[in-house]
Amino acid sequence: MPLAIGTPAPDFTLLNQNREPVSLHDLKGSTSVIVFIPFAFTRTCEGELCQIRDEYTMFNEAEARVVAITCNTLHANRVWTEQQGFQFDILSDFWPHGAVSRIYDTFNEGFGYAERTTYFLDEDGVITDVTSSENLGEARDFESYRTALS
């Protein structure tokens, strides 16, 4: 069950694909979109992030900062970013494995991955909307991004 709308997002600091730390504090001051992704290099996950990449103008117009979080290593995230041309941070929640995914209540304990959940935050880091997919192989409805950012 995702965290409730209206609650402050839990604090975190993770390394991006360039080994740079990114924290919740860094996201404050603008609308933020935190996209939890189960696995790098997989069809559905890649499709979701490529759609964000291809429609990034929508996020820019909303002055929203996008970060994706995976339980993959930062090395895998770097290669994935280079191959796909993602213009946003891909953060590694690899070690301790899934620690941030757990505090965002999106970690699948049985299989060790982050569930397909997206949190929308306001400038103060408060959750304003959540979208998710209950099935591992099913992408989130991209229209929910448009709705949450409008």
C-alpha atoms as a PDB file:
ATOM      1  CA  MET A   1       0.000   0.000   0.000  1.00  0.00           C
ATOM      2  CA  PRO A   2       1.582   3.330  -1.042  1.00  0.00           C
ATOM      3  CA  LEU A   3       2.149   6.150   1.428  1.00  0.00           C
ATOM      4  CA  ALA A   4      -0.868   8.403   1.946  1.00  0.00           C
ATOM      5  CA  ILE A   5      -1.493  11.614   0.053  1.00  0.00           C
ATOM      6  CA  GLY A   6      -0.971  14.614   2.328  1.00  0.00           C
ATOM      7  CA  THR A   7       1.907  13.082   4.290  1.00  0.00           C
ATOM      8  CA  PRO A   8       5.494  14.318   4.126  1.00  0.00           C
ATOM      9  CA  ALA A   9       7.686  12.156   1.907  1.00  0.00           C
ATOM     10  CA  PRO A  10      10.361  10.264   3.855  1.00  0.00           C
ATOM     11  CA  ASP A  11      13.871  11.674   3.659  1.00  0.00           C
ATOM     12  CA  PHE A  12      16.515   9.829   1.661  1.00  0.00           C
ATOM     13  CA  THR A  13      19.910  10.241   0.042  1.00  0.00           C
ATOM     14  CA  LEU A  14      20.952   7.963  -2.822  1.00  0.00           C
ATOM     15  CA  LEU A  15      23.642   8.082  -5.491  1.00  0.00           C
ATOM     16  CA  ASN A  16      22.651   8.792  -9.072  1.00  0.00           C
ATOM     17  CA  GLN A  17      24.161   7.199 -12.173  1.00  0.00           C
ATOM     18  CA  ASN A  18      27.098   9.643 -11.932  1.00  0.00           C
ATOM     19  CA  ARG A  19      27.882   8.805  -8.285  1.00  0.00           C
ATOM     20  CA  GLU A  20      26.389  12.130  -7.127  1.00  0.00           C
ATOM     21  CA  PRO A  21      24.224  12.157  -4.008  1.00  0.00           C
ATOM     22  CA  VAL A  22      20.601  13.200  -4.482  1.00  0.00           C
ATOM     23  CA  SER A  23      18.343  13.679  -1.486  1.00  0.00           C
ATOM     24  CA  LEU A  24      14.774  14.638  -0.756  1.00  0.00           C
ATOM     25  CA  HIS A  25      16.200  17.958   0.407  1.00  0.00           C
ATOM     26  CA  ASP A  26      17.549  18.525  -3.131  1.00  0.00           C
ATOM     27  CA  LEU A  27      14.053  18.029  -4.545  1.00  0.00           C
ATOM     28  CA  LYS A  28      12.357  20.510  -2.244  1.00  0.00           C
ATOM     29  CA  GLY A  29      11.529  23.892  -3.701  1.00  0.00           C
ATOM     30  CA  SER A  30       9.923  22.456  -6.822  1.00  0.00           C
ATOM     31  CA  THR A  31       7.327  19.886  -7.729  1.00  0.00           C
ATOM     32  CA  SER A  32       8.948  16.451  -7.781  1.00  0.00           C
ATOM     33  CA  VAL A  33       8.112  13.122  -9.322  1.00  0.00           C
ATOM     34  CA  ILE A  34       9.704  10.042  -7.727  1.00  0.00           C
ATOM     35  CA  VAL A  35       9.361   7.040 -10.040  1.00  0.00           C
ATOM     36  CA  PHE A  36      10.126   3.643  -8.508  1.00  0.00           C
ATOM     37  CA  ILE A  37      11.216   1.174 -11.199  1.00  0.00           C
ATOM     38  CA  PRO A  38      11.516  -2.603 -10.635  1.00  0.00           C
ATOM     39  CA  PHE A  39      14.354  -3.458 -13.032  1.00  0.00           C
ATOM     40  CA  ALA A  40      16.695  -1.726 -15.469  1.00  0.00           C
ATOM     41  CA  PHE A  41      16.864  -2.985 -19.064  1.00  0.00           C
ATOM     42  CA  THR A  42      13.435  -4.628 -19.023  1.00  0.00           C
ATOM     43  CA  ARG A  43      10.701  -3.958 -21.547  1.00  0.00           C
ATOM     44  CA  THR A  44       8.040  -2.425 -19.307  1.00  0.00           C
ATOM     45  CA  CYS A  45      10.420  -0.423 -17.097  1.00  0.00           C
ATOM     46  CA  GLU A  46      12.362   0.892 -20.055  1.00  0.00           C
ATOM     47  CA  GLY A  47       9.130   1.737 -21.864  1.00  0.00           C
ATOM     48  CA  GLU A  48       7.913   3.773 -18.903  1.00  0.00           C
ATOM     49  CA  LEU A  49      11.143   5.771 -18.545  1.00  0.00           C
ATOM     50  CA  CYS A  50      11.424   6.264 -22.317  1.00  0.00           C
ATOM     51  CA  GLN A  51       7.911   7.720 -22.324  1.00  0.00           C
ATOM     52  CA  ILE A  52       8.938  10.139 -19.573  1.00  0.00           C
ATOM     53  CA  ARG A  53      12.072  10.973 -21.617  1.00  0.00           C
ATOM     54  CA  ASP A  54      10.046  11.480 -24.794  1.00  0.00           C
ATOM     55  CA  GLU A  55       7.420  13.627 -23.053  1.00  0.00           C
ATOM     56  CA  TYR A  56       9.838  15.518 -20.821  1.00  0.00           C
ATOM     57  CA  THR A  57       8.442  18.839 -22.038  1.00  0.00           C
ATOM     58  CA  MET A  58       5.348  18.121 -19.949  1.00  0.00           C
ATOM     59  CA  PHE A  59       7.499  17.835 -16.815  1.00  0.00           C
ATOM     60  CA  ASN A  60       9.483  20.970 -17.715  1.00  0.00           C
ATOM     61  CA  GLU A  61       6.270  22.942 -18.269  1.00  0.00           C
ATOM     62  CA  ALA A  62       5.076  21.836 -14.813  1.00  0.00           C
ATOM     63  CA  GLU A  63       8.512  22.785 -13.424  1.00  0.00           C
ATOM     64  CA  ALA A  64       8.732  19.261 -12.034  1.00  0.00           C
ATOM     65  CA  ARG A  65      11.940  17.438 -11.283  1.00  0.00           C
ATOM     66  CA  VAL A  66      11.906  13.723 -12.094  1.00  0.00           C
ATOM     67  CA  VAL A  67      14.017  11.086 -10.368  1.00  0.00           C
ATOM     68  CA  ALA A  68      13.733   7.346 -10.866  1.00  0.00           C
ATOM     69  CA  ILE A  69      14.746   4.893  -8.150  1.00  0.00           C
ATOM     70  CA  THR A  70      15.755   1.270  -8.796  1.00  0.00           C
ATOM     71  CA  CYS A  71      17.306  -1.431  -6.649  1.00  0.00           C
ATOM     72  CA  ASN A  72      19.906  -1.894  -9.392  1.00  0.00           C
ATOM     73  CA  THR A  73      23.545  -0.887  -8.987  1.00  0.00           C
ATOM     74  CA  LEU A  74      24.558   2.630  -9.957  1.00  0.00           C
ATOM     75  CA  HIS A  75      26.801   1.073 -12.624  1.00  0.00           C
ATOM     76  CA  ALA A  76      23.814  -0.593 -14.313  1.00  0.00           C
ATOM     77  CA  ASN A  77      21.846   2.645 -13.996  1.00  0.00           C
ATOM     78  CA  ARG A  78      24.699   4.584 -15.657  1.00  0.00           C
ATOM     79  CA  VAL A  79      24.850   2.244 -18.645  1.00  0.00           C
ATOM     80  CA  TRP A  80      21.052   2.245 -18.947  1.00  0.00           C
ATOM     81  CA  THR A  81      20.987   6.055 -18.862  1.00  0.00           C
ATOM     82  CA  GLU A  82      23.717   6.305 -21.490  1.00  0.00           C
ATOM     83  CA  GLN A  83      21.976   3.813 -23.782  1.00  0.00           C
ATOM     84  CA  GLN A  84      18.556   5.447 -23.483  1.00  0.00           C
ATOM     85  CA  GLY A  85      19.508   9.115 -23.157  1.00  0.00           C
ATOM     86  CA  PHE A  86      17.565   9.712 -19.951  1.00  0.00           C
ATOM     87  CA  GLN A  87      17.891  13.353 -18.909  1.00  0.00           C
ATOM     88  CA  PHE A  88      16.906  12.762 -15.289  1.00  0.00           C
ATOM     89  CA  ASP A  89      18.607  11.083 -12.352  1.00  0.00           C
ATOM     90  CA  ILE A  90      18.370   7.320 -11.927  1.00  0.00           C
ATOM     91  CA  LEU A  91      19.079   6.641  -8.260  1.00  0.00           C
ATOM     92  CA  SER A  92      20.468   3.370  -6.931  1.00  0.00           C
ATOM     93  CA  ASP A  93      18.678   1.821  -3.956  1.00  0.00           C
ATOM     94  CA  PHE A  94      20.965  -1.204  -4.198  1.00  0.00           C
ATOM     95  CA  TRP A  95      22.638  -1.118  -0.780  1.00  0.00           C
ATOM     96  CA  PRO A  96      21.399  -1.485   1.799  1.00  0.00           C
ATOM     97  CA  HIS A  97      19.156  -3.294  -0.645  1.00  0.00           C
ATOM     98  CA  GLY A  98      15.819  -1.533  -1.056  1.00  0.00           C
ATOM     99  CA  ALA A  99      16.166   0.672   2.039  1.00  0.00           C
ATOM    100  CA  VAL A 100      14.479   3.692   0.430  1.00  0.00           C
ATOM    101  CA  SER A 101      11.925   1.541  -1.377  1.00  0.00           C
ATOM    102  CA  ARG A 102      11.010   0.082   2.008  1.00  0.00           C
ATOM    103  CA  ILE A 103      10.429   3.471   3.666  1.00  0.00           C
ATOM    104  CA  TYR A 104       8.272   4.473   0.686  1.00  0.00           C
ATOM    105  CA  ASP A 105       6.324   1.238   1.202  1.00  0.00           C
ATOM    106  CA  THR A 106       7.027  -0.012  -2.302  1.00  0.00           C
ATOM    107  CA  PHE A 107       9.584  -2.801  -1.776  1.00  0.00           C
ATOM    108  CA  ASN A 108       8.627  -6.342  -2.759  1.00  0.00           C
ATOM    109  CA  GLU A 109      10.234  -8.436  -0.025  1.00  0.00           C
ATOM    110  CA  GLY A 110       9.655 -11.728  -1.801  1.00  0.00           C
ATOM    111  CA  PHE A 111      11.493 -10.788  -4.986  1.00  0.00           C
ATOM    112  CA  GLY A 112      13.750  -7.895  -3.920  1.00  0.00           C
ATOM    113  CA  TYR A 113      12.589  -5.101  -6.213  1.00  0.00           C
ATOM    114  CA  ALA A 114      10.772  -1.779  -5.977  1.00  0.00           C
ATOM    115  CA  GLU A 115       7.126  -2.015  -6.956  1.00  0.00           C
ATOM    116  CA  ARG A 116       5.951   0.140  -9.872  1.00  0.00           C
ATOM    117  CA  THR A 117       4.882   3.249  -7.868  1.00  0.00           C
ATOM    118  CA  THR A 118       5.193   6.981  -8.552  1.00  0.00           C
ATOM    119  CA  TYR A 119       4.937   9.699  -5.913  1.00  0.00           C
ATOM    120  CA  PHE A 120       4.190  13.322  -6.804  1.00  0.00           C
ATOM    121  CA  LEU A 121       5.455  15.847  -4.257  1.00  0.00           C
ATOM    122  CA  ASP A 122       4.802  19.544  -3.794  1.00  0.00           C
ATOM    123  CA  GLU A 123       7.534  22.113  -3.164  1.00  0.00           C
ATOM    124  CA  ASP A 124       7.600  21.220   0.542  1.00  0.00           C
ATOM    125  CA  GLY A 125       8.036  17.488  -0.064  1.00  0.00           C
ATOM    126  CA  VAL A 126       4.445  16.554   0.768  1.00  0.00           C
ATOM    127  CA  ILE A 127       2.839  13.763  -1.262  1.00  0.00           C
ATOM    128  CA  THR A 128       0.141  15.220  -3.510  1.00  0.00           C
ATOM    129  CA  ASP A 129      -0.656  12.177  -5.647  1.00  0.00           C
ATOM    130  CA  VAL A 130       0.357   8.548  -6.177  1.00  0.00           C
ATOM    131  CA  THR A 131       0.047   6.283  -9.169  1.00  0.00           C
ATOM    132  CA  SER A 132       1.013   2.635  -9.364  1.00  0.00           C
ATOM    133  CA  SER A 133       0.529  -0.616 -11.188  1.00  0.00           C
ATOM    134  CA  GLU A 134      -0.339  -3.750  -9.270  1.00  0.00           C
ATOM    135  CA  ASN A 135       1.155  -6.056 -11.903  1.00  0.00           C
ATOM    136  CA  LEU A 136       4.896  -6.292 -12.491  1.00  0.00           C
ATOM    137  CA  GLY A 137       4.513  -6.460 -16.278  1.00  0.00           C
ATOM    138  CA  GLU A 138       1.951  -3.665 -16.528  1.00  0.00           C
ATOM    139  CA  ALA A 139       3.021  -0.040 -16.996  1.00  0.00           C
ATOM    140  CA  ARG A 140       1.494   2.786 -15.017  1.00  0.00           C
ATOM    141  CA  ASP A 141      -1.135   4.793 -16.879  1.00  0.00           C
ATOM    142  CA  PHE A 142       0.809   7.749 -18.265  1.00  0.00           C
ATOM    143  CA  GLU A 143      -2.333   9.894 -18.244  1.00  0.00           C
ATOM    144  CA  SER A 144      -2.128   9.793 -14.440  1.00  0.00           C
ATOM    145  CA  TYR A 145       1.106  11.810 -14.774  1.00  0.00           C
ATOM    146  CA  ARG A 146      -0.686  14.483 -16.810  1.00  0.00           C
ATOM    147  CA  THR A 147      -3.501  14.629 -14.267  1.00  0.00           C
ATOM    148  CA  ALA A 148      -1.172  14.843 -11.262  1.00  0.00           C
ATOM    149  CA  LEU A 149       0.937  17.597 -12.851  1.00  0.00           C
ATOM    150  CA  SER A 150      -1.978  19.737 -14.023  1.00  0.00           C
END
